[in-house]
């Protein structure tokens, strides 16, 4: 039979591994977008200030790109759950 060596749970595990990559980056950018690290960035910039130029805050950077990383993570996670469900059939 063709499917004797094929395991749906392995496919699910592999998809979940890819999901973790997108989820870690997207979660970090989401935390940055919330503005919780802006004060830390401000104090770091103030302590090591060499010039008085304006800088991009972490909330501005994360706000534009966290959805780019979290949407594929959600899709891959749902596919992983589907293949996990197929493994138990």
N, C-alpha and C. Protein backbone atom coordinates (compact mmCIF):
# COMPACT_ATOMS: atom_id res chain seq x y z
N UNK A 1 0.84 -1.18 0.00
CA UNK A 1 0.00 0.00 0.00
C UNK A 1 0.88 1.25 0.00
N UNK A 2 0.44 2.30 -0.63
CA UNK A 2 1.23 3.52 -0.79
C UNK A 2 1.40 4.25 0.54
N UNK A 3 0.37 4.31 1.35
CA UNK A 3 0.38 5.10 2.57
C UNK A 3 0.92 4.35 3.79
N UNK A 4 1.52 3.21 3.63
CA UNK A 4 1.96 2.44 4.79
C UNK A 4 3.12 3.13 5.52
N UNK A 5 4.05 3.76 4.79
CA UNK A 5 5.17 4.45 5.44
C UNK A 5 4.88 5.92 5.68
N UNK A 6 3.79 6.40 5.16
CA UNK A 6 3.44 7.81 5.26
C UNK A 6 2.64 8.04 6.54
N UNK A 7 3.08 8.96 7.34
CA UNK A 7 2.38 9.24 8.60
C UNK A 7 1.92 10.70 8.61
N UNK A 8 0.63 10.88 8.81
CA UNK A 8 0.08 12.23 8.87
C UNK A 8 0.61 13.00 10.08
N UNK A 9 0.95 12.28 11.13
CA UNK A 9 1.48 12.96 12.31
C UNK A 9 2.85 13.58 12.03
N UNK A 10 3.64 12.96 11.14
CA UNK A 10 4.93 13.55 10.77
C UNK A 10 4.73 14.84 9.98
N UNK A 11 3.75 14.84 9.10
CA UNK A 11 3.44 16.06 8.35
C UNK A 11 2.99 17.16 9.31
N UNK A 12 2.17 16.79 10.27
CA UNK A 12 1.70 17.75 11.27
C UNK A 12 2.86 18.31 12.08
N UNK A 13 3.79 17.45 12.48
CA UNK A 13 4.96 17.91 13.24
C UNK A 13 5.84 18.85 12.42
N UNK A 14 6.02 18.54 11.16
CA UNK A 14 6.84 19.37 10.29
C UNK A 14 6.19 20.74 10.08
N UNK A 15 4.89 20.76 9.85
CA UNK A 15 4.19 22.04 9.69
C UNK A 15 4.24 22.85 10.98
N UNK A 16 4.13 22.19 12.11
CA UNK A 16 4.19 22.91 13.37
C UNK A 16 5.58 23.50 13.61
N UNK A 17 6.62 22.82 13.14
CA UNK A 17 7.97 23.37 13.26
C UNK A 17 8.12 24.65 12.45
N UNK A 18 7.57 24.67 11.24
CA UNK A 18 7.59 25.89 10.45
C UNK A 18 6.73 26.97 11.09
N UNK A 19 5.65 26.56 11.72
CA UNK A 19 4.77 27.51 12.40
C UNK A 19 5.52 28.24 13.52
N UNK A 20 6.33 27.51 14.26
CA UNK A 20 7.07 28.12 15.36
C UNK A 20 8.01 29.22 14.89
N UNK A 21 8.64 29.03 13.74
CA UNK A 21 9.52 30.05 13.19
C UNK A 21 8.75 31.36 12.98
N UNK A 22 7.62 31.29 12.28
CA UNK A 22 6.81 32.49 12.03
C UNK A 22 6.21 33.04 13.31
N UNK A 23 5.82 32.17 14.21
CA UNK A 23 5.18 32.60 15.45
C UNK A 23 6.16 33.35 16.36
N UNK A 24 7.39 32.90 16.45
CA UNK A 24 8.37 33.56 17.31
C UNK A 24 8.67 34.96 16.80
N UNK A 25 8.92 35.09 15.51
CA UNK A 25 9.23 36.41 14.95
C UNK A 25 8.01 37.32 15.04
N UNK A 26 6.84 36.81 14.67
CA UNK A 26 5.62 37.61 14.73
C UNK A 26 5.24 38.03 16.14
N UNK A 27 5.45 37.16 17.10
CA UNK A 27 5.14 37.51 18.50
C UNK A 27 6.08 38.59 19.02
N UNK A 28 7.35 38.49 18.67
CA UNK A 28 8.29 39.52 19.10
C UNK A 28 7.93 40.87 18.49
N UNK A 29 7.57 40.90 17.21
CA UNK A 29 7.18 42.15 16.57
C UNK A 29 5.87 42.68 17.13
N UNK A 30 4.98 41.79 17.55
CA UNK A 30 3.71 42.22 18.14
C UNK A 30 3.96 42.89 19.49
N UNK A 31 4.86 42.32 20.27
CA UNK A 31 5.22 42.93 21.56
C UNK A 31 5.87 44.29 21.33
N UNK A 32 6.72 44.37 20.32
CA UNK A 32 7.34 45.67 20.00
C UNK A 32 6.29 46.68 19.56
N UNK A 33 5.29 46.23 18.79
CA UNK A 33 4.24 47.13 18.31
C UNK A 33 3.36 47.64 19.44
N UNK A 34 3.29 46.92 20.53
CA UNK A 34 2.46 47.36 21.65
C UNK A 34 3.05 48.57 22.36
N UNK A 35 4.32 48.83 22.15
CA UNK A 35 4.96 49.98 22.77
C UNK A 35 5.57 49.68 24.12
N UNK A 36 5.57 48.45 24.54
CA UNK A 36 6.09 48.11 25.86
C UNK A 36 7.61 48.21 25.94
N UNK A 37 8.29 48.18 24.81
CA UNK A 37 9.75 48.26 24.82
C UNK A 37 10.27 49.65 24.44
N UNK A 38 9.36 50.59 24.20
CA UNK A 38 9.79 51.93 23.78
C UNK A 38 10.56 52.66 24.87
N UNK A 39 10.14 52.51 26.11
CA UNK A 39 10.84 53.18 27.20
C UNK A 39 12.25 52.62 27.36
N UNK A 40 12.39 51.30 27.23
CA UNK A 40 13.71 50.68 27.29
C UNK A 40 14.60 51.20 26.16
N UNK A 41 14.04 51.32 24.97
CA UNK A 41 14.80 51.83 23.84
C UNK A 41 15.18 53.29 24.06
N UNK A 42 14.27 54.08 24.62
CA UNK A 42 14.55 55.49 24.89
C UNK A 42 15.67 55.63 25.91
N UNK A 43 15.62 54.86 26.97
CA UNK A 43 16.65 54.97 28.00
C UNK A 43 18.00 54.47 27.48
N UNK A 44 18.00 53.47 26.65
CA UNK A 44 19.24 52.97 26.05
C UNK A 44 19.84 54.03 25.12
N UNK A 45 18.97 54.65 24.34
CA UNK A 45 19.42 55.70 23.42
C UNK A 45 19.94 56.91 24.20
N UNK A 46 19.30 57.23 25.31
CA UNK A 46 19.72 58.36 26.13
C UNK A 46 21.06 58.08 26.80
N UNK A 47 21.30 56.87 27.22
CA UNK A 47 22.55 56.53 27.89
C UNK A 47 23.74 56.53 26.94
N UNK A 48 23.52 56.14 25.71
CA UNK A 48 24.62 56.02 24.75
C UNK A 48 24.45 56.99 23.58
N UNK A 49 23.93 58.16 23.87
CA UNK A 49 23.67 59.15 22.82
C UNK A 49 24.97 59.76 22.33
N UNK A 50 25.18 59.69 21.02
CA UNK A 50 26.32 60.35 20.41
C UNK A 50 25.86 61.52 19.55
N UNK A 51 24.69 61.37 18.93
CA UNK A 51 24.11 62.46 18.14
C UNK A 51 22.68 62.68 18.60
N UNK A 52 22.12 63.80 18.21
CA UNK A 52 20.75 64.12 18.61
C UNK A 52 19.78 63.91 17.46
N UNK A 53 19.99 62.91 16.69
CA UNK A 53 19.10 62.63 15.57
C UNK A 53 17.89 61.84 16.03
N UNK A 54 16.80 61.98 15.29
CA UNK A 54 15.59 61.22 15.60
C UNK A 54 15.79 59.76 15.21
N UNK A 55 15.08 58.91 15.87
CA UNK A 55 15.18 57.48 15.61
C UNK A 55 13.79 56.88 15.55
N UNK A 56 13.69 55.75 14.87
CA UNK A 56 12.44 55.01 14.79
C UNK A 56 12.24 54.23 16.07
N UNK A 57 11.07 54.35 16.67
CA UNK A 57 10.80 53.56 17.86
C UNK A 57 10.43 52.13 17.47
N UNK A 58 10.56 51.23 18.41
CA UNK A 58 10.25 49.83 18.13
C UNK A 58 8.76 49.62 17.83
N UNK A 59 7.91 50.46 18.41
CA UNK A 59 6.48 50.32 18.14
C UNK A 59 6.16 50.69 16.70
N UNK A 60 6.89 51.64 16.12
CA UNK A 60 6.67 52.00 14.72
C UNK A 60 7.17 50.90 13.79
N UNK A 61 8.23 50.26 14.16
CA UNK A 61 8.78 49.18 13.33
C UNK A 61 7.87 47.96 13.38
N UNK A 62 7.47 47.55 14.58
CA UNK A 62 6.67 46.35 14.72
C UNK A 62 5.25 46.49 14.21
N UNK A 63 4.70 47.71 14.28
CA UNK A 63 3.31 47.93 13.89
C UNK A 63 3.06 47.60 12.43
N UNK A 64 4.06 47.81 11.59
CA UNK A 64 3.85 47.61 10.16
C UNK A 64 4.11 46.18 9.70
N UNK A 65 4.78 45.36 10.51
CA UNK A 65 5.21 44.07 9.97
C UNK A 65 4.79 42.85 10.78
N UNK A 66 4.15 43.00 11.92
CA UNK A 66 3.86 41.79 12.70
C UNK A 66 2.78 40.93 12.06
N UNK A 67 1.83 41.53 11.36
CA UNK A 67 0.79 40.73 10.70
C UNK A 67 1.36 39.90 9.56
N UNK A 68 2.44 40.40 8.92
CA UNK A 68 3.09 39.66 7.85
C UNK A 68 3.61 38.32 8.36
N UNK A 69 4.00 38.24 9.63
CA UNK A 69 4.55 37.02 10.21
C UNK A 69 3.49 36.18 10.90
N UNK A 70 2.46 36.80 11.47
CA UNK A 70 1.46 36.04 12.23
C UNK A 70 0.40 35.37 11.35
N UNK A 71 0.08 35.96 10.20
CA UNK A 71 -0.93 35.35 9.34
C UNK A 71 -0.47 34.00 8.78
N UNK A 72 0.76 33.87 8.25
CA UNK A 72 1.20 32.53 7.83
C UNK A 72 1.30 31.55 8.99
N UNK A 73 1.65 32.05 10.18
CA UNK A 73 1.72 31.17 11.35
C UNK A 73 0.35 30.60 11.67
N UNK A 74 -0.68 31.42 11.56
CA UNK A 74 -2.04 30.94 11.81
C UNK A 74 -2.46 29.90 10.77
N UNK A 75 -2.17 30.16 9.52
CA UNK A 75 -2.53 29.22 8.46
C UNK A 75 -1.79 27.89 8.64
N UNK A 76 -0.50 27.95 8.90
CA UNK A 76 0.27 26.72 9.10
C UNK A 76 -0.19 25.96 10.34
N UNK A 77 -0.57 26.68 11.39
CA UNK A 77 -1.06 26.02 12.60
C UNK A 77 -2.37 25.29 12.33
N UNK A 78 -3.26 25.93 11.58
CA UNK A 78 -4.53 25.27 11.26
C UNK A 78 -4.31 24.05 10.37
N UNK A 79 -3.39 24.15 9.42
CA UNK A 79 -3.07 22.98 8.59
C UNK A 79 -2.45 21.87 9.43
N UNK A 80 -1.64 22.24 10.38
CA UNK A 80 -1.05 21.26 11.27
C UNK A 80 -2.11 20.52 12.07
N UNK A 81 -3.11 21.26 12.54
CA UNK A 81 -4.22 20.62 13.27
C UNK A 81 -5.04 19.71 12.36
N UNK A 82 -5.22 20.11 11.11
CA UNK A 82 -5.97 19.26 10.17
C UNK A 82 -5.23 17.94 9.96
N UNK A 83 -3.93 18.02 9.71
CA UNK A 83 -3.16 16.78 9.49
C UNK A 83 -3.04 15.95 10.77
N UNK A 84 -3.05 16.59 11.91
CA UNK A 84 -3.07 15.84 13.16
C UNK A 84 -4.39 15.10 13.32
N UNK A 85 -5.47 15.75 12.92
CA UNK A 85 -6.77 15.08 12.94
C UNK A 85 -6.83 13.91 11.98
N UNK A 86 -6.19 14.04 10.82
CA UNK A 86 -6.15 12.94 9.86
C UNK A 86 -5.31 11.77 10.39
N UNK A 87 -4.37 12.05 11.25
CA UNK A 87 -3.53 11.00 11.79
C UNK A 87 -4.33 10.07 12.71
N UNK A 88 -5.40 10.58 13.30
CA UNK A 88 -6.19 9.76 14.22
C UNK A 88 -7.37 9.09 13.56
N UNK A 89 -7.54 9.26 12.25
CA UNK A 89 -8.64 8.59 11.55
C UNK A 89 -8.30 7.16 11.21
